[in-house]
Amino acid sequence: MANIHGKNAIVYLGDGAGGAAISISEQNTYSIESDFELAETSELGDTWKSNVKGLMSWTASMEGNFNTASNQLFTAATGAQTANFYLYPDVASTSRYYYGTCWVKLGTVIAGGTGDKASAAVELIGDGALSKN
């Protein structure tokens, strides 16, 4: 197993219409979360709960510096179509990445104050499968 450092990651976002994916600049944290629904199948008299696995879902999130030169995340969040998402955990390994189609949701458009830099945060809500290459 090869350990990697998170600083070597890169994230790309492209419009759902097949446009070129562009790297998301100024981000300094990222995560992808996967989840699924459970439907309980327990019956009267059972001692333990039982379930069947339902639909799967995924979300991703990023935080970073507020970038005055980029409108990419704001445009994707206010648009009416999904975006194509790609996360390369190590930019040197271009054959290993996660990808999917998502809706872009700006959690924090901009935040700042007298004692801190301006920052922004975004959540990506999967629309279909999260895949790994």
N, C-alpha and C. Protein backbone atom coordinates (compact mmCIF):
# COMPACT_ATOMS: atom_id res chain seq x y z
N MET A 1 0.84 -1.18 0.00
CA MET A 1 0.00 0.00 0.00
C MET A 1 0.88 1.24 0.00
N ALA A 2 0.55 2.16 -0.85
CA ALA A 2 1.29 3.41 -0.92
C ALA A 2 0.53 4.49 -0.16
N ASN A 3 1.20 5.13 0.76
CA ASN A 3 0.60 6.27 1.45
C ASN A 3 0.76 7.51 0.59
N ILE A 4 -0.24 8.35 0.65
CA ILE A 4 -0.16 9.60 -0.11
C ILE A 4 -0.45 10.76 0.83
N HIS A 5 -0.04 11.93 0.46
CA HIS A 5 -0.34 13.14 1.22
C HIS A 5 -1.50 13.86 0.56
N GLY A 6 -2.42 14.37 1.33
CA GLY A 6 -3.59 15.05 0.80
C GLY A 6 -3.28 16.28 -0.03
N LYS A 7 -2.11 16.86 0.16
CA LYS A 7 -1.77 18.08 -0.57
C LYS A 7 -1.60 17.84 -2.06
N ASN A 8 -1.45 16.59 -2.47
CA ASN A 8 -1.22 16.27 -3.87
C ASN A 8 -2.50 16.03 -4.67
N ALA A 9 -3.65 16.26 -4.06
CA ALA A 9 -4.92 16.01 -4.73
C ALA A 9 -5.28 17.17 -5.66
N ILE A 10 -6.14 16.85 -6.61
CA ILE A 10 -6.69 17.88 -7.49
C ILE A 10 -8.14 17.51 -7.81
N VAL A 11 -8.99 18.52 -7.88
CA VAL A 11 -10.41 18.31 -8.16
C VAL A 11 -10.77 19.06 -9.44
N TYR A 12 -11.54 18.39 -10.29
CA TYR A 12 -12.02 19.00 -11.52
C TYR A 12 -13.54 19.00 -11.51
N LEU A 13 -14.12 20.01 -12.11
CA LEU A 13 -15.56 20.11 -12.24
C LEU A 13 -15.86 20.58 -13.66
N GLY A 14 -16.79 19.90 -14.31
CA GLY A 14 -17.18 20.28 -15.67
C GLY A 14 -18.68 20.37 -15.76
N ASP A 15 -19.17 21.14 -16.72
CA ASP A 15 -20.61 21.23 -16.86
C ASP A 15 -21.17 19.92 -17.41
N GLY A 16 -22.41 19.64 -17.09
CA GLY A 16 -23.04 18.40 -17.48
C GLY A 16 -23.31 18.27 -18.97
N ALA A 17 -23.04 19.33 -19.73
CA ALA A 17 -23.31 19.32 -21.17
C ALA A 17 -22.11 18.81 -21.96
N GLY A 18 -21.11 18.26 -21.28
CA GLY A 18 -19.96 17.70 -21.98
C GLY A 18 -18.82 18.67 -22.17
N GLY A 19 -18.88 19.84 -21.52
CA GLY A 19 -17.79 20.79 -21.59
C GLY A 19 -16.56 20.27 -20.85
N ALA A 20 -15.44 20.86 -21.13
CA ALA A 20 -14.19 20.44 -20.49
C ALA A 20 -14.25 20.67 -18.98
N ALA A 21 -13.72 19.72 -18.24
CA ALA A 21 -13.63 19.86 -16.79
C ALA A 21 -12.45 20.77 -16.46
N ILE A 22 -12.66 21.67 -15.50
CA ILE A 22 -11.65 22.65 -15.11
C ILE A 22 -11.29 22.41 -13.65
N SER A 23 -10.02 22.55 -13.33
CA SER A 23 -9.60 22.33 -11.95
C SER A 23 -10.20 23.41 -11.05
N ILE A 24 -10.57 22.99 -9.85
CA ILE A 24 -11.10 23.90 -8.84
C ILE A 24 -9.91 24.42 -8.04
N SER A 25 -9.62 25.69 -8.17
CA SER A 25 -8.45 26.25 -7.51
C SER A 25 -8.76 26.69 -6.09
N GLU A 26 -7.71 26.88 -5.33
CA GLU A 26 -7.76 27.45 -3.98
C GLU A 26 -8.42 26.57 -2.92
N GLN A 27 -8.69 25.31 -3.22
CA GLN A 27 -9.27 24.42 -2.21
C GLN A 27 -8.16 23.86 -1.34
N ASN A 28 -8.42 23.68 -0.04
CA ASN A 28 -7.38 23.10 0.81
C ASN A 28 -7.85 21.91 1.64
N THR A 29 -9.13 21.56 1.56
CA THR A 29 -9.61 20.31 2.15
C THR A 29 -10.63 19.69 1.20
N TYR A 30 -10.75 18.39 1.26
CA TYR A 30 -11.72 17.68 0.44
C TYR A 30 -12.13 16.40 1.14
N SER A 31 -13.32 15.91 0.81
CA SER A 31 -13.76 14.60 1.29
C SER A 31 -14.86 14.08 0.38
N ILE A 32 -14.97 12.76 0.33
CA ILE A 32 -16.08 12.09 -0.35
C ILE A 32 -16.71 11.16 0.67
N GLU A 33 -18.02 11.22 0.79
CA GLU A 33 -18.75 10.35 1.71
C GLU A 33 -19.73 9.49 0.91
N SER A 34 -19.82 8.22 1.29
CA SER A 34 -20.75 7.30 0.65
C SER A 34 -21.73 6.80 1.70
N ASP A 35 -22.97 6.60 1.30
CA ASP A 35 -23.99 6.16 2.25
C ASP A 35 -25.00 5.28 1.52
N PHE A 36 -25.88 4.64 2.27
CA PHE A 36 -26.97 3.88 1.67
C PHE A 36 -28.13 3.82 2.65
N GLU A 37 -29.31 3.57 2.12
CA GLU A 37 -30.51 3.44 2.93
C GLU A 37 -30.67 1.99 3.36
N LEU A 38 -31.30 1.81 4.50
CA LEU A 38 -31.66 0.47 4.96
C LEU A 38 -33.17 0.43 5.16
N ALA A 39 -33.79 -0.66 4.73
CA ALA A 39 -35.21 -0.87 4.97
C ALA A 39 -35.33 -2.04 5.94
N GLU A 40 -35.95 -1.78 7.04
CA GLU A 40 -36.06 -2.82 8.07
C GLU A 40 -37.01 -3.94 7.62
N THR A 41 -36.60 -5.19 7.85
CA THR A 41 -37.41 -6.35 7.49
C THR A 41 -37.74 -7.22 8.71
N SER A 42 -37.54 -6.67 9.91
CA SER A 42 -37.81 -7.43 11.13
C SER A 42 -39.28 -7.82 11.21
N GLU A 43 -39.52 -8.95 11.86
CA GLU A 43 -40.89 -9.44 12.03
C GLU A 43 -41.23 -9.53 13.50
N LEU A 44 -42.52 -9.57 13.79
CA LEU A 44 -42.94 -9.76 15.18
C LEU A 44 -42.30 -11.03 15.73
N GLY A 45 -41.81 -10.95 16.94
CA GLY A 45 -41.19 -12.10 17.58
C GLY A 45 -39.68 -12.18 17.36
N ASP A 46 -39.13 -11.40 16.44
CA ASP A 46 -37.67 -11.40 16.23
C ASP A 46 -36.98 -10.80 17.44
N THR A 47 -35.78 -11.26 17.72
CA THR A 47 -34.96 -10.73 18.80
C THR A 47 -34.02 -9.64 18.27
N TRP A 48 -33.61 -9.79 17.05
CA TRP A 48 -32.67 -8.85 16.43
C TRP A 48 -33.30 -8.23 15.18
N LYS A 49 -32.94 -6.99 14.92
CA LYS A 49 -33.40 -6.33 13.70
C LYS A 49 -32.73 -6.95 12.49
N SER A 50 -33.44 -6.96 11.38
CA SER A 50 -32.86 -7.34 10.10
C SER A 50 -33.24 -6.29 9.07
N ASN A 51 -32.39 -6.14 8.05
CA ASN A 51 -32.57 -5.08 7.06
C ASN A 51 -32.21 -5.59 5.67
N VAL A 52 -32.67 -4.86 4.68
CA VAL A 52 -32.18 -5.03 3.32
C VAL A 52 -31.59 -3.70 2.89
N LYS A 53 -30.56 -3.79 2.09
CA LYS A 53 -29.87 -2.60 1.62
C LYS A 53 -30.69 -1.94 0.53
N GLY A 54 -30.85 -0.63 0.65
CA GLY A 54 -31.60 0.14 -0.33
C GLY A 54 -30.68 0.91 -1.26
N LEU A 55 -31.10 2.09 -1.64
CA LEU A 55 -30.36 2.90 -2.58
C LEU A 55 -29.10 3.49 -1.97
N MET A 56 -28.06 3.57 -2.79
CA MET A 56 -26.80 4.17 -2.35
C MET A 56 -26.78 5.64 -2.75
N SER A 57 -25.95 6.42 -2.05
CA SER A 57 -25.80 7.84 -2.36
C SER A 57 -24.38 8.27 -2.00
N TRP A 58 -23.99 9.42 -2.52
CA TRP A 58 -22.69 9.97 -2.18
C TRP A 58 -22.74 11.49 -2.17
N THR A 59 -21.85 12.07 -1.40
CA THR A 59 -21.65 13.51 -1.38
C THR A 59 -20.15 13.76 -1.31
N ALA A 60 -19.75 14.91 -1.71
CA ALA A 60 -18.37 15.35 -1.58
C ALA A 60 -18.39 16.77 -1.07
N SER A 61 -17.32 17.18 -0.41
CA SER A 61 -17.25 18.55 0.06
C SER A 61 -15.82 19.06 -0.09
N MET A 62 -15.72 20.36 -0.23
CA MET A 62 -14.43 21.03 -0.34
C MET A 62 -14.52 22.36 0.37
N GLU A 63 -13.41 22.78 0.93
CA GLU A 63 -13.29 24.10 1.52
C GLU A 63 -11.97 24.70 1.06
N GLY A 64 -11.91 26.01 1.06
CA GLY A 64 -10.66 26.64 0.68
C GLY A 64 -10.74 28.15 0.70
N ASN A 65 -9.72 28.73 0.10
CA ASN A 65 -9.65 30.18 0.01
C ASN A 65 -10.70 30.69 -0.96
N PHE A 66 -11.29 31.82 -0.64
CA PHE A 66 -12.21 32.46 -1.57
C PHE A 66 -11.39 32.98 -2.74
N ASN A 67 -11.76 32.59 -3.94
CA ASN A 67 -11.01 32.93 -5.14
C ASN A 67 -11.77 34.01 -5.91
N THR A 68 -11.27 35.23 -5.90
CA THR A 68 -11.95 36.33 -6.58
C THR A 68 -11.89 36.22 -8.10
N ALA A 69 -10.98 35.39 -8.62
CA ALA A 69 -10.81 35.27 -10.06
C ALA A 69 -11.67 34.16 -10.68
N SER A 70 -12.35 33.37 -9.86
CA SER A 70 -13.11 32.23 -10.39
C SER A 70 -14.59 32.34 -10.06
N ASN A 71 -15.41 32.12 -11.07
CA ASN A 71 -16.86 32.07 -10.88
C ASN A 71 -17.39 30.66 -11.07
N GLN A 72 -16.51 29.70 -11.24
CA GLN A 72 -16.90 28.34 -11.61
C GLN A 72 -17.87 27.70 -10.62
N LEU A 73 -17.57 27.75 -9.34
CA LEU A 73 -18.45 27.11 -8.35
C LEU A 73 -19.78 27.84 -8.24
N PHE A 74 -19.75 29.17 -8.26
CA PHE A 74 -20.98 29.95 -8.17
C PHE A 74 -21.87 29.67 -9.38
N THR A 75 -21.28 29.62 -10.55
CA THR A 75 -22.04 29.34 -11.77
C THR A 75 -22.65 27.95 -11.73
N ALA A 76 -21.86 26.96 -11.29
CA ALA A 76 -22.37 25.59 -11.21
C ALA A 76 -23.50 25.48 -10.18
N ALA A 77 -23.37 26.19 -9.07
CA ALA A 77 -24.38 26.11 -8.01
C ALA A 77 -25.67 26.81 -8.39
N THR A 78 -25.59 27.84 -9.18
CA THR A 78 -26.80 28.58 -9.54
C THR A 78 -27.39 28.12 -10.87
N GLY A 79 -26.72 27.20 -11.54
CA GLY A 79 -27.21 26.67 -12.81
C GLY A 79 -28.30 25.63 -12.62
N ALA A 80 -28.87 25.21 -13.72
CA ALA A 80 -29.99 24.27 -13.70
C ALA A 80 -29.60 22.89 -14.21
N GLN A 81 -28.31 22.57 -14.19
CA GLN A 81 -27.89 21.24 -14.64
C GLN A 81 -26.82 20.68 -13.72
N THR A 82 -26.63 19.39 -13.82
CA THR A 82 -25.61 18.71 -13.02
C THR A 82 -24.22 19.03 -13.55
N ALA A 83 -23.23 18.69 -12.76
CA ALA A 83 -21.83 18.88 -13.13
C ALA A 83 -21.11 17.54 -13.08
N ASN A 84 -20.03 17.43 -13.82
CA ASN A 84 -19.18 16.24 -13.79
C ASN A 84 -18.04 16.50 -12.81
N PHE A 85 -17.84 15.57 -11.89
CA PHE A 85 -16.88 15.70 -10.79
C PHE A 85 -15.78 14.66 -10.95
N TYR A 86 -14.54 15.08 -10.72
CA TYR A 86 -13.39 14.19 -10.74
C TYR A 86 -12.47 14.57 -9.59
N LEU A 87 -12.08 13.61 -8.78
CA LEU A 87 -11.11 13.85 -7.70
C LEU A 87 -9.94 12.90 -7.89
N TYR A 88 -8.77 13.45 -8.09
CA TYR A 88 -7.53 12.69 -8.18
C TYR A 88 -6.83 12.82 -6.84
N PRO A 89 -6.78 11.77 -6.01
CA PRO A 89 -6.12 11.88 -4.71
C PRO A 89 -4.63 12.20 -4.81
N ASP A 90 -4.00 11.79 -5.91
CA ASP A 90 -2.60 12.09 -6.14
C ASP A 90 -2.45 12.47 -7.62
N VAL A 91 -2.19 13.73 -7.88
CA VAL A 91 -2.14 14.22 -9.25
C VAL A 91 -1.08 13.50 -10.08
N ALA A 92 -0.10 12.88 -9.44
CA ALA A 92 0.93 12.14 -10.16
C ALA A 92 0.40 10.79 -10.67
N SER A 93 -0.71 10.31 -10.12
CA SER A 93 -1.30 9.04 -10.54
C SER A 93 -2.59 9.33 -11.30
N THR A 94 -2.47 9.73 -12.55
CA THR A 94 -3.64 10.16 -13.32
C THR A 94 -4.59 9.03 -13.69
N SER A 95 -4.18 7.78 -13.46
CA SER A 95 -5.07 6.66 -13.77
C SER A 95 -5.92 6.25 -12.57
N ARG A 96 -5.74 6.91 -11.43
CA ARG A 96 -6.52 6.60 -10.22
C ARG A 96 -7.30 7.82 -9.78
N TYR A 97 -8.63 7.72 -9.89
CA TYR A 97 -9.46 8.85 -9.52
C TYR A 97 -10.89 8.39 -9.24
N TYR A 98 -11.65 9.27 -8.61
CA TYR A 98 -13.07 9.08 -8.34
C TYR A 98 -13.83 10.05 -9.23
N TYR A 99 -15.02 9.63 -9.69
CA TYR A 99 -15.78 10.51 -10.56
C TYR A 99 -17.27 10.20 -10.49
N GLY A 100 -18.05 11.19 -10.86
CA GLY A 100 -19.50 11.04 -10.89
C GLY A 100 -20.15 12.33 -11.34
N THR A 101 -21.46 12.28 -11.46
CA THR A 101 -22.26 13.44 -11.81
C THR A 101 -22.91 13.96 -10.53
N CYS A 102 -22.96 15.27 -10.37
CA CYS A 102 -23.45 15.82 -9.11
C CYS A 102 -24.15 17.16 -9.30
N TRP A 103 -24.86 17.53 -8.26
CA TRP A 103 -25.40 18.88 -8.13
C TRP A 103 -24.45 19.65 -7.22
N VAL A 104 -24.18 20.89 -7.56
CA VAL A 104 -23.26 21.72 -6.77
C VAL A 104 -24.07 22.62 -5.86
N LYS A 105 -23.73 22.59 -4.58
CA LYS A 105 -24.44 23.38 -3.57
C LYS A 105 -23.42 24.20 -2.79
N LEU A 106 -23.51 25.51 -2.91
CA LEU A 106 -22.59 26.37 -2.16
C LEU A 106 -23.06 26.43 -0.72
N GLY A 107 -22.28 25.85 0.16
CA GLY A 107 -22.60 25.91 1.58
C GLY A 107 -22.24 27.27 2.15
N THR A 108 -21.03 27.70 1.87
CA THR A 108 -20.56 29.01 2.30
C THR A 108 -20.05 29.73 1.06
N VAL A 109 -20.80 30.71 0.59
CA VAL A 109 -20.39 31.45 -0.59
C VAL A 109 -19.10 32.20 -0.30
N ILE A 110 -19.05 32.89 0.83
CA ILE A 110 -17.84 33.56 1.29
C ILE A 110 -17.97 33.80 2.79
N ALA A 111 -16.86 33.62 3.50
CA ALA A 111 -16.81 33.89 4.93
C ALA A 111 -15.45 34.53 5.23
N GLY A 112 -15.41 35.40 6.18
CA GLY A 112 -14.16 36.05 6.55
C GLY A 112 -14.35 36.93 7.75
N GLY A 113 -13.33 37.63 8.09
CA GLY A 113 -13.37 38.53 9.23
C GLY A 113 -12.04 39.24 9.38
N THR A 114 -11.92 40.04 10.43
CA THR A 114 -10.70 40.82 10.61
C THR A 114 -9.50 39.97 11.00
N GLY A 115 -9.74 38.77 11.49
CA GLY A 115 -8.63 37.93 11.93
C GLY A 115 -8.38 36.72 11.07
N ASP A 116 -8.98 36.67 9.87
CA ASP A 116 -8.85 35.46 9.06
C ASP A 116 -8.95 35.82 7.58
N LYS A 117 -8.50 34.92 6.76
CA LYS A 117 -8.62 35.07 5.31
C LYS A 117 -10.05 34.77 4.89
N ALA A 118 -10.44 35.22 3.74
CA ALA A 118 -11.77 34.91 3.21
C ALA A 118 -11.76 33.47 2.71
N SER A 119 -12.83 32.74 2.98
CA SER A 119 -12.91 31.34 2.59
C SER A 119 -14.28 31.03 1.99
N ALA A 120 -14.38 29.85 1.40
CA ALA A 120 -15.63 29.38 0.80
C ALA A 120 -15.72 27.88 1.00
N ALA A 121 -16.92 27.34 0.93
CA ALA A 121 -17.13 25.89 1.06
C ALA A 121 -18.21 25.46 0.09
N VAL A 122 -18.08 24.25 -0.42
CA VAL A 122 -19.04 23.75 -1.40
C VAL A 122 -19.35 22.29 -1.08
N GLU A 123 -20.59 21.89 -1.34
CA GLU A 123 -21.00 20.49 -1.20
C GLU A 123 -21.47 20.00 -2.56
N LEU A 124 -21.05 18.81 -2.91
CA LEU A 124 -21.47 18.17 -4.15
C LEU A 124 -22.37 17.01 -3.79
N ILE A 125 -23.57 16.98 -4.36
CA ILE A 125 -24.54 15.94 -4.04
C ILE A 125 -24.67 15.04 -5.25
N GLY A 126 -24.27 13.78 -5.08
CA GLY A 126 -24.24 12.84 -6.18
C GLY A 126 -25.59 12.65 -6.86
N ASP A 127 -25.55 12.56 -8.17
CA ASP A 127 -26.74 12.30 -8.97
C ASP A 127 -26.42 11.05 -9.79
N GLY A 128 -26.57 9.89 -9.18
CA GLY A 128 -26.15 8.65 -9.79
C GLY A 128 -24.94 8.09 -9.05
N ALA A 129 -24.28 7.17 -9.69
CA ALA A 129 -23.20 6.42 -9.05
C ALA A 129 -21.92 7.23 -8.89
N LEU A 130 -21.21 6.97 -7.80
CA LEU A 130 -19.82 7.40 -7.65
C LEU A 130 -18.97 6.26 -8.15
N SER A 131 -18.05 6.53 -9.03
CA SER A 131 -17.22 5.48 -9.62
C SER A 131 -15.76 5.72 -9.30
N LYS A 132 -14.97 4.68 -9.39
CA LYS A 132 -13.53 4.76 -9.13
C LYS A 132 -12.80 4.12 -10.29
N ASN A 133 -11.83 4.82 -10.80
CA ASN A 133 -10.99 4.29 -11.88
C ASN A 133 -9.65 3.88 -11.30
